Amino acid sequence: MELPHDPNQLPRHWQAHLGPLRGHRWPIRCGRRFSAQELDLLRQGLWPRDMDDRWAIWLGPDQVLRCWRSWTQTCIYEAAVGLGPDSTGACAVLEVLDDPTHYQRSTSDASELDRFEGVLALALGERRLG
């Protein structure tokens, strides 16, 4: 897949190619809370610029946070984010793709939540630094 040369076109390009989580799901109780600033960053999204960027991450207008492997365009994580009156948010359940042909999930909830936090750190950390 050829990426647009204009970095401002990356979100639109990726949004056109990425879909919701499809296949068997492994639900995990999550309880992840997000600050208003974190939600703003997730709404901007993390969009791969080259093959070294392995994840695309976006909180869409449907208030569903999705994380995709960029080169396969497979949605690995999906979570509905409930919004609070103070512009913060939380997801109670994280849905994880449970299909070993596309993703080898962890054998425990705690380990998979750690993986998810690592993926989130890419979107939240990169935006804070850059």
C-alpha atoms as a PDB file:
ATOM      1  CA  MET A   1       0.000   0.000   0.000  1.00  0.00           C
ATOM      2  CA  GLU A   2       1.395   3.355  -1.007  1.00  0.00           C
ATOM      3  CA  LEU A   3       1.100   6.103   1.583  1.00  0.00           C
ATOM      4  CA  PRO A   4       0.334   9.721   0.684  1.00  0.00           C
ATOM      5  CA  HIS A   5       3.314  12.068   0.582  1.00  0.00           C
ATOM      6  CA  ASP A   6       1.405  14.763   2.482  1.00  0.00           C
ATOM      7  CA  PRO A   7       1.409  13.822   6.208  1.00  0.00           C
ATOM      8  CA  ASN A   8      -1.884  15.698   6.636  1.00  0.00           C
ATOM      9  CA  GLN A   9      -3.513  13.079   4.403  1.00  0.00           C
ATOM     10  CA  LEU A  10      -2.402  10.114   6.544  1.00  0.00           C
ATOM     11  CA  PRO A  11      -5.466   9.998   8.827  1.00  0.00           C
ATOM     12  CA  ARG A  12      -7.922   9.996   5.923  1.00  0.00           C
ATOM     13  CA  HIS A  13      -5.857   7.422   4.028  1.00  0.00           C
ATOM     14  CA  TRP A  14      -5.682   4.987   6.962  1.00  0.00           C
ATOM     15  CA  GLN A  15      -9.308   5.504   7.992  1.00  0.00           C
ATOM     16  CA  ALA A  16     -10.367   4.427   4.497  1.00  0.00           C
ATOM     17  CA  HIS A  17      -8.406   1.168   4.804  1.00  0.00           C
ATOM     18  CA  LEU A  18      -9.091   0.110   8.416  1.00  0.00           C
ATOM     19  CA  GLY A  19     -12.196  -1.560   9.783  1.00  0.00           C
ATOM     20  CA  PRO A  20     -13.610  -2.814  13.068  1.00  0.00           C
ATOM     21  CA  LEU A  21     -12.461  -5.926  14.908  1.00  0.00           C
ATOM     22  CA  ARG A  22     -13.627  -8.979  12.999  1.00  0.00           C
ATOM     23  CA  GLY A  23     -13.523 -12.562  14.216  1.00  0.00           C
ATOM     24  CA  HIS A  24     -13.532 -14.207  17.609  1.00  0.00           C
ATOM     25  CA  ARG A  25     -13.132 -11.852  20.551  1.00  0.00           C
ATOM     26  CA  TRP A  26     -11.598 -12.317  23.947  1.00  0.00           C
ATOM     27  CA  PRO A  27     -13.201  -9.793  26.327  1.00  0.00           C
ATOM     28  CA  ILE A  28     -11.134  -8.550  29.245  1.00  0.00           C
ATOM     29  CA  ARG A  29     -12.354  -6.382  32.101  1.00  0.00           C
ATOM     30  CA  CYS A  30     -10.245  -3.335  31.685  1.00  0.00           C
ATOM     31  CA  GLY A  31     -11.284  -0.318  33.744  1.00  0.00           C
ATOM     32  CA  ARG A  32      -8.814   1.914  31.841  1.00  0.00           C
ATOM     33  CA  ARG A  33      -9.402   5.589  32.504  1.00  0.00           C
ATOM     34  CA  PHE A  34      -8.354   8.367  30.142  1.00  0.00           C
ATOM     35  CA  SER A  35      -7.726  12.015  30.896  1.00  0.00           C
ATOM     36  CA  ALA A  36      -9.260  14.641  28.633  1.00  0.00           C
ATOM     37  CA  GLN A  37      -5.789  15.241  27.156  1.00  0.00           C
ATOM     38  CA  GLU A  38      -5.301  11.536  26.423  1.00  0.00           C
ATOM     39  CA  LEU A  39      -8.688  11.381  24.695  1.00  0.00           C
ATOM     40  CA  ASP A  40      -7.736  14.362  22.524  1.00  0.00           C
ATOM     41  CA  LEU A  41      -4.517  12.609  21.501  1.00  0.00           C
ATOM     42  CA  LEU A  42      -6.354   9.365  20.731  1.00  0.00           C
ATOM     43  CA  ARG A  43      -8.899  11.270  18.625  1.00  0.00           C
ATOM     44  CA  GLN A  44      -6.009  12.662  16.569  1.00  0.00           C
ATOM     45  CA  GLY A  45      -4.784   9.105  16.193  1.00  0.00           C
ATOM     46  CA  LEU A  46      -1.446   7.519  15.546  1.00  0.00           C
ATOM     47  CA  TRP A  47      -1.019   6.897  11.838  1.00  0.00           C
ATOM     48  CA  PRO A  48       1.858   4.858  10.382  1.00  0.00           C
ATOM     49  CA  ARG A  49       4.221   6.778   8.126  1.00  0.00           C
ATOM     50  CA  ASP A  50       6.312   3.813   6.956  1.00  0.00           C
ATOM     51  CA  MET A  51       6.709   0.050   7.425  1.00  0.00           C
ATOM     52  CA  ASP A  52       8.609   0.538  10.692  1.00  0.00           C
ATOM     53  CA  ASP A  53       5.442   1.929  12.299  1.00  0.00           C
ATOM     54  CA  ARG A  54       3.615  -1.199  13.370  1.00  0.00           C
ATOM     55  CA  TRP A  55       0.409   0.222  14.850  1.00  0.00           C
ATOM     56  CA  ALA A  56      -2.439   2.507  13.870  1.00  0.00           C
ATOM     57  CA  ILE A  57      -4.479   3.758  16.838  1.00  0.00           C
ATOM     58  CA  TRP A  58      -7.607   5.910  16.770  1.00  0.00           C
ATOM     59  CA  LEU A  59     -10.568   6.896  18.907  1.00  0.00           C
ATOM     60  CA  GLY A  60     -13.246   7.459  16.285  1.00  0.00           C
ATOM     61  CA  PRO A  61     -16.366   9.617  16.434  1.00  0.00           C
ATOM     62  CA  ASP A  62     -18.319   6.518  17.538  1.00  0.00           C
ATOM     63  CA  GLN A  63     -16.217   6.658  20.760  1.00  0.00           C
ATOM     64  CA  VAL A  64     -14.659   3.282  19.997  1.00  0.00           C
ATOM     65  CA  LEU A  65     -10.914   2.995  20.453  1.00  0.00           C
ATOM     66  CA  ARG A  66      -9.329   0.669  17.910  1.00  0.00           C
ATOM     67  CA  CYS A  67      -5.744  -0.501  17.496  1.00  0.00           C
ATOM     68  CA  TRP A  68      -4.651  -2.130  14.240  1.00  0.00           C
ATOM     69  CA  ARG A  69      -1.489  -3.846  13.065  1.00  0.00           C
ATOM     70  CA  SER A  70      -0.548  -1.554  10.224  1.00  0.00           C
ATOM     71  CA  TRP A  71       0.893  -3.983   7.691  1.00  0.00           C
ATOM     72  CA  THR A  72      -2.020  -6.453   7.923  1.00  0.00           C
ATOM     73  CA  GLN A  73      -4.659  -3.782   8.655  1.00  0.00           C
ATOM     74  CA  THR A  74      -6.078  -6.189  11.257  1.00  0.00           C
ATOM     75  CA  CYS A  75      -7.887  -4.716  14.245  1.00  0.00           C
ATOM     76  CA  ILE A  76      -6.393  -6.303  17.368  1.00  0.00           C
ATOM     77  CA  TYR A  77      -7.958  -4.217  20.142  1.00  0.00           C
ATOM     78  CA  GLU A  78     -11.359  -2.565  20.367  1.00  0.00           C
ATOM     79  CA  ALA A  79     -12.944  -0.789  23.339  1.00  0.00           C
ATOM     80  CA  ALA A  80     -15.988   1.418  23.710  1.00  0.00           C
ATOM     81  CA  VAL A  81     -15.031   4.540  25.645  1.00  0.00           C
ATOM     82  CA  GLY A  82     -17.664   6.056  27.893  1.00  0.00           C
ATOM     83  CA  LEU A  83     -17.357   9.794  28.364  1.00  0.00           C
ATOM     84  CA  GLY A  84     -17.670  11.505  31.729  1.00  0.00           C
ATOM     85  CA  PRO A  85     -19.133  14.964  32.401  1.00  0.00           C
ATOM     86  CA  ASP A  86     -15.597  16.277  32.981  1.00  0.00           C
ATOM     87  CA  SER A  87     -14.408  15.268  29.469  1.00  0.00           C
ATOM     88  CA  THR A  88     -12.547  12.227  30.778  1.00  0.00           C
ATOM     89  CA  GLY A  89     -13.318   8.707  29.629  1.00  0.00           C
ATOM     90  CA  ALA A  90     -13.099   5.058  30.565  1.00  0.00           C
ATOM     91  CA  CYS A  91     -13.423   1.673  28.956  1.00  0.00           C
ATOM     92  CA  ALA A  92     -14.794  -1.139  31.063  1.00  0.00           C
ATOM     93  CA  VAL A  93     -14.080  -3.965  28.622  1.00  0.00           C
ATOM     94  CA  LEU A  94     -11.288  -4.449  26.126  1.00  0.00           C
ATOM     95  CA  GLU A  95     -12.069  -6.775  23.224  1.00  0.00           C
ATOM     96  CA  VAL A  96      -8.995  -8.631  21.945  1.00  0.00           C
ATOM     97  CA  LEU A  97      -8.803 -10.499  18.652  1.00  0.00           C
ATOM     98  CA  ASP A  98      -8.798 -14.211  19.455  1.00  0.00           C
ATOM     99  CA  ASP A  99      -7.577 -15.621  16.151  1.00  0.00           C
ATOM    100  CA  PRO A 100      -4.085 -17.149  16.207  1.00  0.00           C
ATOM    101  CA  THR A 101      -3.770 -16.855  12.416  1.00  0.00           C
ATOM    102  CA  HIS A 102      -3.722 -13.045  12.830  1.00  0.00           C
ATOM    103  CA  TYR A 103      -2.670 -12.427  16.440  1.00  0.00           C
ATOM    104  CA  GLN A 104      -1.126 -14.581  19.142  1.00  0.00           C
ATOM    105  CA  ARG A 105      -2.772 -13.229  22.243  1.00  0.00           C
ATOM    106  CA  SER A 106      -1.341 -13.602  25.704  1.00  0.00           C
ATOM    107  CA  THR A 107      -2.488 -16.459  27.891  1.00  0.00           C
ATOM    108  CA  SER A 108      -3.535 -14.186  30.762  1.00  0.00           C
ATOM    109  CA  ASP A 109      -5.676 -11.081  31.074  1.00  0.00           C
ATOM    110  CA  ALA A 110      -2.962  -9.219  32.969  1.00  0.00           C
ATOM    111  CA  SER A 111      -0.336  -9.877  30.298  1.00  0.00           C
ATOM    112  CA  GLU A 112      -2.678  -8.844  27.505  1.00  0.00           C
ATOM    113  CA  LEU A 113      -3.575  -5.640  29.348  1.00  0.00           C
ATOM    114  CA  ASP A 114       0.151  -4.913  29.641  1.00  0.00           C
ATOM    115  CA  ARG A 115       0.486  -5.348  25.876  1.00  0.00           C
ATOM    116  CA  PHE A 116      -2.465  -3.016  25.327  1.00  0.00           C
ATOM    117  CA  GLU A 117      -0.888  -0.392  27.593  1.00  0.00           C
ATOM    118  CA  GLY A 118       2.309  -0.660  25.566  1.00  0.00           C
ATOM    119  CA  VAL A 119       0.393  -0.027  22.359  1.00  0.00           C
ATOM    120  CA  LEU A 120      -1.408   2.947  23.918  1.00  0.00           C
ATOM    121  CA  ALA A 121       1.939   4.355  25.045  1.00  0.00           C
ATOM    122  CA  LEU A 122       2.959   4.596  21.395  1.00  0.00           C
ATOM    123  CA  ALA A 123       0.094   6.969  20.657  1.00  0.00           C
ATOM    124  CA  LEU A 124       0.175   8.889  23.910  1.00  0.00           C
ATOM    125  CA  GLY A 125       3.946   9.023  24.356  1.00  0.00           C
ATOM    126  CA  GLU A 126       4.833   9.929  20.791  1.00  0.00           C
ATOM    127  CA  ARG A 127       2.425  12.851  20.767  1.00  0.00           C
ATOM    128  CA  ARG A 128       3.779  14.196  24.046  1.00  0.00           C
ATOM    129  CA  LEU A 129       7.372  14.045  22.818  1.00  0.00           C
ATOM    130  CA  GLY A 130       6.805  15.216  19.261  1.00  0.00           C
END
